């Protein structure tokens, strides 16, 4: 399993975190999506077939690009 925590400057509320969780969780292979409003961070854990490139692309598409 791979894991990455990234800064996401656009996170402003729990609704933002909920949107990120809903969208990223739909990627096949993503196991855990956790976001923190206070630190403006997102942690994702995944296995194949998911890749970081897919996850990052999804975050960018929904306007929550990692810094």
PDB file of N, CA and C in Angstrom:
ATOM      1  N   UNK A   1       0.847  -1.188   0.000  1.00  0.00           N
ATOM      2  CA  UNK A   1       0.000   0.000   0.000  1.00  0.00           C
ATOM      3  C   UNK A   1       0.884   1.240   0.000  1.00  0.00           C
ATOM      4  N   UNK A   2       0.466   2.208  -0.759  1.00  0.00           N
ATOM      5  CA  UNK A   2       1.181   3.487  -0.797  1.00  0.00           C
ATOM      6  C   UNK A   2       0.359   4.526  -0.059  1.00  0.00           C
ATOM      7  N   UNK A   3       1.051   5.566   0.404  1.00  0.00           N
ATOM      8  CA  UNK A   3       0.387   6.632   1.151  1.00  0.00           C
ATOM      9  C   UNK A   3       1.085   7.950   0.863  1.00  0.00           C
ATOM     10  N   UNK A   4       0.290   8.998   0.841  1.00  0.00           N
ATOM     11  CA  UNK A   4       0.865  10.335   0.644  1.00  0.00           C
ATOM     12  C   UNK A   4      -0.011  11.358   1.340  1.00  0.00           C
ATOM     13  N   UNK A   5       0.634  12.325   2.001  1.00  0.00           N
ATOM     14  CA  UNK A   5      -0.067  13.457   2.605  1.00  0.00           C
ATOM     15  C   UNK A   5       0.399  14.714   1.899  1.00  0.00           C
ATOM     16  N   UNK A   6      -0.554  15.515   1.450  1.00  0.00           N
ATOM     17  CA  UNK A   6      -0.230  16.730   0.698  1.00  0.00           C
ATOM     18  C   UNK A   6      -0.987  17.919   1.262  1.00  0.00           C
ATOM     19  N   UNK A   7      -0.421  19.103   1.055  1.00  0.00           N
ATOM     20  CA  UNK A   7      -1.084  20.359   1.398  1.00  0.00           C
ATOM     21  C   UNK A   7      -2.055  20.701   0.269  1.00  0.00           C
ATOM     22  N   UNK A   8      -3.269  21.100   0.656  1.00  0.00           N
ATOM     23  CA  UNK A   8      -4.274  21.507  -0.326  1.00  0.00           C
ATOM     24  C   UNK A   8      -4.807  22.876   0.116  1.00  0.00           C
ATOM     25  N   UNK A   9      -4.230  23.951  -0.416  1.00  0.00           N
ATOM     26  CA  UNK A   9      -4.575  25.305   0.039  1.00  0.00           C
ATOM     27  C   UNK A   9      -6.050  25.679  -0.093  1.00  0.00           C
ATOM     28  N   UNK A  10      -6.786  25.053  -1.024  1.00  0.00           N
ATOM     29  CA  UNK A  10      -8.191  25.424  -1.244  1.00  0.00           C
ATOM     30  C   UNK A  10      -9.156  24.864  -0.205  1.00  0.00           C
ATOM     31  N   UNK A  11      -8.695  24.016   0.709  1.00  0.00           N
ATOM     32  CA  UNK A  11      -9.602  23.477   1.733  1.00  0.00           C
ATOM     33  C   UNK A  11      -9.976  24.602   2.684  1.00  0.00           C
ATOM     34  N   UNK A  12     -11.300  24.817   2.823  1.00  0.00           N
ATOM     35  CA  UNK A  12     -11.756  25.886   3.705  1.00  0.00           C
ATOM     36  C   UNK A  12     -12.793  25.451   4.723  1.00  0.00           C
ATOM     37  N   UNK A  13     -13.373  24.236   4.515  1.00  0.00           N
ATOM     38  CA  UNK A  13     -14.433  23.798   5.428  1.00  0.00           C
ATOM     39  C   UNK A  13     -14.597  22.284   5.330  1.00  0.00           C
ATOM     40  N   UNK A  14     -15.476  21.769   6.186  1.00  0.00           N
ATOM     41  CA  UNK A  14     -15.745  20.329   6.170  1.00  0.00           C
ATOM     42  C   UNK A  14     -16.379  19.886   4.857  1.00  0.00           C
ATOM     43  N   UNK A  15     -17.119  20.779   4.212  1.00  0.00           N
ATOM     44  CA  UNK A  15     -17.707  20.454   2.911  1.00  0.00           C
ATOM     45  C   UNK A  15     -16.641  20.185   1.863  1.00  0.00           C
ATOM     46  N   UNK A  16     -15.548  20.945   1.935  1.00  0.00           N
ATOM     47  CA  UNK A  16     -14.425  20.731   1.012  1.00  0.00           C
ATOM     48  C   UNK A  16     -13.850  19.333   1.217  1.00  0.00           C
ATOM     49  N   UNK A  17     -13.643  18.977   2.478  1.00  0.00           N
ATOM     50  CA  UNK A  17     -13.083  17.662   2.804  1.00  0.00           C
ATOM     51  C   UNK A  17     -14.027  16.562   2.323  1.00  0.00           C
ATOM     52  N   UNK A  18     -15.324  16.748   2.527  1.00  0.00           N
ATOM     53  CA  UNK A  18     -16.319  15.760   2.102  1.00  0.00           C
ATOM     54  C   UNK A  18     -16.276  15.573   0.579  1.00  0.00           C
ATOM     55  N   UNK A  19     -16.169  16.673  -0.161  1.00  0.00           N
ATOM     56  CA  UNK A  19     -16.080  16.589  -1.622  1.00  0.00           C
ATOM     57  C   UNK A  19     -14.843  15.805  -2.043  1.00  0.00           C
ATOM     58  N   UNK A  20     -13.704  16.120  -1.432  1.00  0.00           N
ATOM     59  CA  UNK A  20     -12.459  15.417  -1.752  1.00  0.00           C
ATOM     60  C   UNK A  20     -12.607  13.925  -1.468  1.00  0.00           C
ATOM     61  N   UNK A  21     -13.130  13.582  -0.291  1.00  0.00           N
ATOM     62  CA  UNK A  21     -13.308  12.165   0.067  1.00  0.00           C
ATOM     63  C   UNK A  21     -14.219  11.465  -0.934  1.00  0.00           C
ATOM     64  N   UNK A  22     -15.347  12.092  -1.269  1.00  0.00           N
ATOM     65  CA  UNK A  22     -16.301  11.475  -2.200  1.00  0.00           C
ATOM     66  C   UNK A  22     -15.683  11.222  -3.563  1.00  0.00           C
ATOM     67  N   UNK A  23     -14.960  12.200  -4.087  1.00  0.00           N
ATOM     68  CA  UNK A  23     -14.406  12.078  -5.441  1.00  0.00           C
ATOM     69  C   UNK A  23     -13.211  11.126  -5.499  1.00  0.00           C
ATOM     70  N   UNK A  24     -12.275  11.274  -4.576  1.00  0.00           N
ATOM     71  CA  UNK A  24     -11.055  10.459  -4.617  1.00  0.00           C
ATOM     72  C   UNK A  24     -11.362   8.999  -4.268  1.00  0.00           C
ATOM     73  N   UNK A  25     -12.337   8.777  -3.403  1.00  0.00           N
ATOM     74  CA  UNK A  25     -12.706   7.409  -3.016  1.00  0.00           C
ATOM     75  C   UNK A  25     -13.253   6.597  -4.183  1.00  0.00           C
ATOM     76  N   UNK A  26     -13.703   7.275  -5.228  1.00  0.00           N
ATOM     77  CA  UNK A  26     -14.251   6.577  -6.391  1.00  0.00           C
ATOM     78  C   UNK A  26     -13.171   5.949  -7.265  1.00  0.00           C
ATOM     79  N   UNK A  27     -11.920   6.308  -7.053  1.00  0.00           N
ATOM     80  CA  UNK A  27     -10.824   5.743  -7.848  1.00  0.00           C
ATOM     81  C   UNK A  27     -10.583   4.313  -7.371  1.00  0.00           C
ATOM     82  N   UNK A  28     -10.585   3.384  -8.294  1.00  0.00           N
ATOM     83  CA  UNK A  28     -10.381   1.981  -7.960  1.00  0.00           C
ATOM     84  C   UNK A  28      -8.996   1.781  -7.344  1.00  0.00           C
ATOM     85  N   UNK A  29      -8.959   1.201  -6.159  1.00  0.00           N
ATOM     86  CA  UNK A  29      -7.694   0.954  -5.463  1.00  0.00           C
ATOM     87  C   UNK A  29      -7.460   1.891  -4.295  1.00  0.00           C
ATOM     88  N   UNK A  30      -8.195   3.012  -4.243  1.00  0.00           N
ATOM     89  CA  UNK A  30      -8.047   3.947  -3.126  1.00  0.00           C
ATOM     90  C   UNK A  30      -8.724   3.335  -1.905  1.00  0.00           C
ATOM     91  N   UNK A  31      -7.978   3.247  -0.806  1.00  0.00           N
ATOM     92  CA  UNK A  31      -8.481   2.619   0.422  1.00  0.00           C
ATOM     93  C   UNK A  31      -8.953   3.646   1.448  1.00  0.00           C
ATOM     94  N   UNK A  32      -8.158   4.701   1.660  1.00  0.00           N
ATOM     95  CA  UNK A  32      -8.454   5.685   2.699  1.00  0.00           C
ATOM     96  C   UNK A  32      -8.218   7.084   2.141  1.00  0.00           C
ATOM     97  N   UNK A  33      -9.155   7.980   2.419  1.00  0.00           N
ATOM     98  CA  UNK A  33      -8.990   9.407   2.102  1.00  0.00           C
ATOM     99  C   UNK A  33      -9.343  10.159   3.375  1.00  0.00           C
ATOM    100  N   UNK A  34      -8.413  10.951   3.872  1.00  0.00           N
ATOM    101  CA  UNK A  34      -8.657  11.710   5.101  1.00  0.00           C
ATOM    102  C   UNK A  34      -8.206  13.142   4.878  1.00  0.00           C
ATOM    103  N   UNK A  35      -9.027  14.092   5.259  1.00  0.00           N
ATOM    104  CA  UNK A  35      -8.674  15.496   5.104  1.00  0.00           C
ATOM    105  C   UNK A  35      -8.773  16.242   6.419  1.00  0.00           C
ATOM    106  N   UNK A  36      -7.948  17.243   6.569  1.00  0.00           N
ATOM    107  CA  UNK A  36      -7.942  18.082   7.762  1.00  0.00           C
ATOM    108  C   UNK A  36      -8.123  19.535   7.354  1.00  0.00           C
ATOM    109  N   UNK A  37      -9.185  20.163   7.852  1.00  0.00           N
ATOM    110  CA  UNK A  37      -9.433  21.567   7.548  1.00  0.00           C
ATOM    111  C   UNK A  37      -8.356  22.438   8.193  1.00  0.00           C
ATOM    112  N   UNK A  38      -8.038  22.167   9.461  1.00  0.00           N
ATOM    113  CA  UNK A  38      -7.075  22.995  10.191  1.00  0.00           C
ATOM    114  C   UNK A  38      -5.719  23.070   9.504  1.00  0.00           C
ATOM    115  N   UNK A  39      -5.189  21.935   9.099  1.00  0.00           N
ATOM    116  CA  UNK A  39      -3.873  21.922   8.464  1.00  0.00           C
ATOM    117  C   UNK A  39      -3.915  22.027   6.961  1.00  0.00           C
ATOM    118  N   UNK A  40      -5.153  22.010   6.408  1.00  0.00           N
ATOM    119  CA  UNK A  40      -5.329  22.026   4.947  1.00  0.00           C
ATOM    120  C   UNK A  40      -4.533  20.906   4.289  1.00  0.00           C
ATOM    121  N   UNK A  41      -4.673  19.689   4.841  1.00  0.00           N
ATOM    122  CA  UNK A  41      -3.970  18.527   4.312  1.00  0.00           C
ATOM    123  C   UNK A  41      -4.944  17.433   3.905  1.00  0.00           C
ATOM    124  N   UNK A  42      -4.488  16.603   2.986  1.00  0.00           N
ATOM    125  CA  UNK A  42      -5.218  15.412   2.565  1.00  0.00           C
ATOM    126  C   UNK A  42      -4.234  14.253   2.584  1.00  0.00           C
ATOM    127  N   UNK A  43      -4.658  13.148   3.205  1.00  0.00           N
ATOM    128  CA  UNK A  43      -3.872  11.920   3.214  1.00  0.00           C
ATOM    129  C   UNK A  43      -4.652  10.863   2.444  1.00  0.00           C
ATOM    130  N   UNK A  44      -3.953  10.197   1.522  1.00  0.00           N
ATOM    131  CA  UNK A  44      -4.574   9.153   0.713  1.00  0.00           C
ATOM    132  C   UNK A  44      -3.728   7.899   0.813  1.00  0.00           C
ATOM    133  N   UNK A  45      -4.385   6.748   1.005  1.00  0.00           N
ATOM    134  CA  UNK A  45      -3.722   5.450   0.959  1.00  0.00           C
ATOM    135  C   UNK A  45      -4.352   4.656  -0.168  1.00  0.00           C
ATOM    136  N   UNK A  46      -3.507   3.985  -0.961  1.00  0.00           N
ATOM    137  CA  UNK A  46      -4.032   3.268  -2.120  1.00  0.00           C
ATOM    138  C   UNK A  46      -3.159   2.074  -2.476  1.00  0.00           C
ATOM    139  N   UNK A  47      -3.754   1.185  -3.245  1.00  0.00           N
ATOM    140  CA  UNK A  47      -3.093   0.037  -3.864  1.00  0.00           C
ATOM    141  C   UNK A  47      -3.358   0.116  -5.354  1.00  0.00           C
ATOM    142  N   UNK A  48      -2.627  -0.694  -6.120  1.00  0.00           N
ATOM    143  CA  UNK A  48      -2.903  -0.802  -7.551  1.00  0.00           C
ATOM    144  C   UNK A  48      -4.335  -1.277  -7.715  1.00  0.00           C
ATOM    145  N   UNK A  49      -5.052  -0.828  -8.715  1.00  0.00           N
ATOM    146  CA  UNK A  49      -4.567  -0.127  -9.905  1.00  0.00           C
ATOM    147  C   UNK A  49      -4.465   1.396  -9.751  1.00  0.00           C
ATOM    148  N   UNK A  50      -4.820   1.950  -8.603  1.00  0.00           N
ATOM    149  CA  UNK A  50      -4.713   3.405  -8.422  1.00  0.00           C
ATOM    150  C   UNK A  50      -3.252   3.842  -8.480  1.00  0.00           C
ATOM    151  N   UNK A  51      -3.034   5.060  -8.966  1.00  0.00           N
ATOM    152  CA  UNK A  51      -1.694   5.649  -8.994  1.00  0.00           C
ATOM    153  C   UNK A  51      -1.788   7.067  -8.437  1.00  0.00           C
ATOM    154  N   UNK A  52      -0.641   7.576  -7.995  1.00  0.00           N
ATOM    155  CA  UNK A  52      -0.641   8.955  -7.505  1.00  0.00           C
ATOM    156  C   UNK A  52      -1.052   9.916  -8.620  1.00  0.00           C
ATOM    157  N   UNK A  53      -0.666   9.631  -9.855  1.00  0.00           N
ATOM    158  CA  UNK A  53      -1.012  10.503 -10.969  1.00  0.00           C
ATOM    159  C   UNK A  53      -2.534  10.604 -11.127  1.00  0.00           C
ATOM    160  N   UNK A  54      -3.245   9.489 -10.967  1.00  0.00           N
ATOM    161  CA  UNK A  54      -4.708   9.513 -11.051  1.00  0.00           C
ATOM    162  C   UNK A  54      -5.305  10.347  -9.916  1.00  0.00           C
ATOM    163  N   UNK A  55      -4.784  10.138  -8.717  1.00  0.00           N
ATOM    164  CA  UNK A  55      -5.294  10.841  -7.541  1.00  0.00           C
ATOM    165  C   UNK A  55      -5.055  12.337  -7.685  1.00  0.00           C
ATOM    166  N   UNK A  56      -3.838  12.705  -8.061  1.00  0.00           N
ATOM    167  CA  UNK A  56      -3.501  14.117  -8.238  1.00  0.00           C
ATOM    168  C   UNK A  56      -4.358  14.746  -9.336  1.00  0.00           C
ATOM    169  N   UNK A  57      -4.576  14.025 -10.411  1.00  0.00           N
ATOM    170  CA  UNK A  57      -5.392  14.522 -11.512  1.00  0.00           C
ATOM    171  C   UNK A  57      -6.827  14.763 -11.050  1.00  0.00           C
ATOM    172  N   UNK A  58      -7.363  13.851 -10.264  1.00  0.00           N
ATOM    173  CA  UNK A  58      -8.720  14.013  -9.734  1.00  0.00           C
ATOM    174  C   UNK A  58      -8.806  15.232  -8.830  1.00  0.00           C
ATOM    175  N   UNK A  59      -7.827  15.409  -7.965  1.00  0.00           N
ATOM    176  CA  UNK A  59      -7.810  16.580  -7.087  1.00  0.00           C
ATOM    177  C   UNK A  59      -7.790  17.877  -7.905  1.00  0.00           C
ATOM    178  N   UNK A  60      -7.001  17.901  -8.962  1.00  0.00           N
ATOM    179  CA  UNK A  60      -6.939  19.095  -9.812  1.00  0.00           C
ATOM    180  C   UNK A  60      -8.273  19.340 -10.517  1.00  0.00           C
ATOM    181  N   UNK A  61      -8.908  18.266 -10.994  1.00  0.00           N
ATOM    182  CA  UNK A  61     -10.188  18.402 -11.714  1.00  0.00           C
ATOM    183  C   UNK A  61     -11.267  19.011 -10.828  1.00  0.00           C
ATOM    184  N   UNK A  62     -11.235  18.724  -9.527  1.00  0.00           N
ATOM    185  CA  UNK A  62     -12.278  19.235  -8.629  1.00  0.00           C
ATOM    186  C   UNK A  62     -11.827  20.492  -7.898  1.00  0.00           C
ATOM    187  N   UNK A  63     -10.748  21.113  -8.382  1.00  0.00           N
ATOM    188  CA  UNK A  63     -10.233  22.384  -7.864  1.00  0.00           C
ATOM    189  C   UNK A  63      -9.663  22.306  -6.457  1.00  0.00           C
ATOM    190  N   UNK A  64      -9.086  21.158  -6.134  1.00  0.00           N
ATOM    191  CA  UNK A  64      -8.361  20.999  -4.861  1.00  0.00           C
ATOM    192  C   UNK A  64      -6.951  20.481  -5.147  1.00  0.00           C
ATOM    193  N   UNK A  65      -6.255  21.199  -6.007  1.00  0.00           N
ATOM    194  CA  UNK A  65      -4.908  20.780  -6.408  1.00  0.00           C
ATOM    195  C   UNK A  65      -3.942  20.815  -5.227  1.00  0.00           C
ATOM    196  N   UNK A  66      -3.102  19.775  -5.103  1.00  0.00           N
ATOM    197  CA  UNK A  66      -2.081  19.806  -4.047  1.00  0.00           C
ATOM    198  C   UNK A  66      -1.043  20.868  -4.325  1.00  0.00           C
ATOM    199  N   UNK A  67      -0.516  21.448  -3.255  1.00  0.00           N
ATOM    200  CA  UNK A  67       0.505  22.500  -3.388  1.00  0.00           C
ATOM    201  C   UNK A  67       1.841  21.891  -3.780  1.00  0.00           C
TER     202      UNK A  67
END
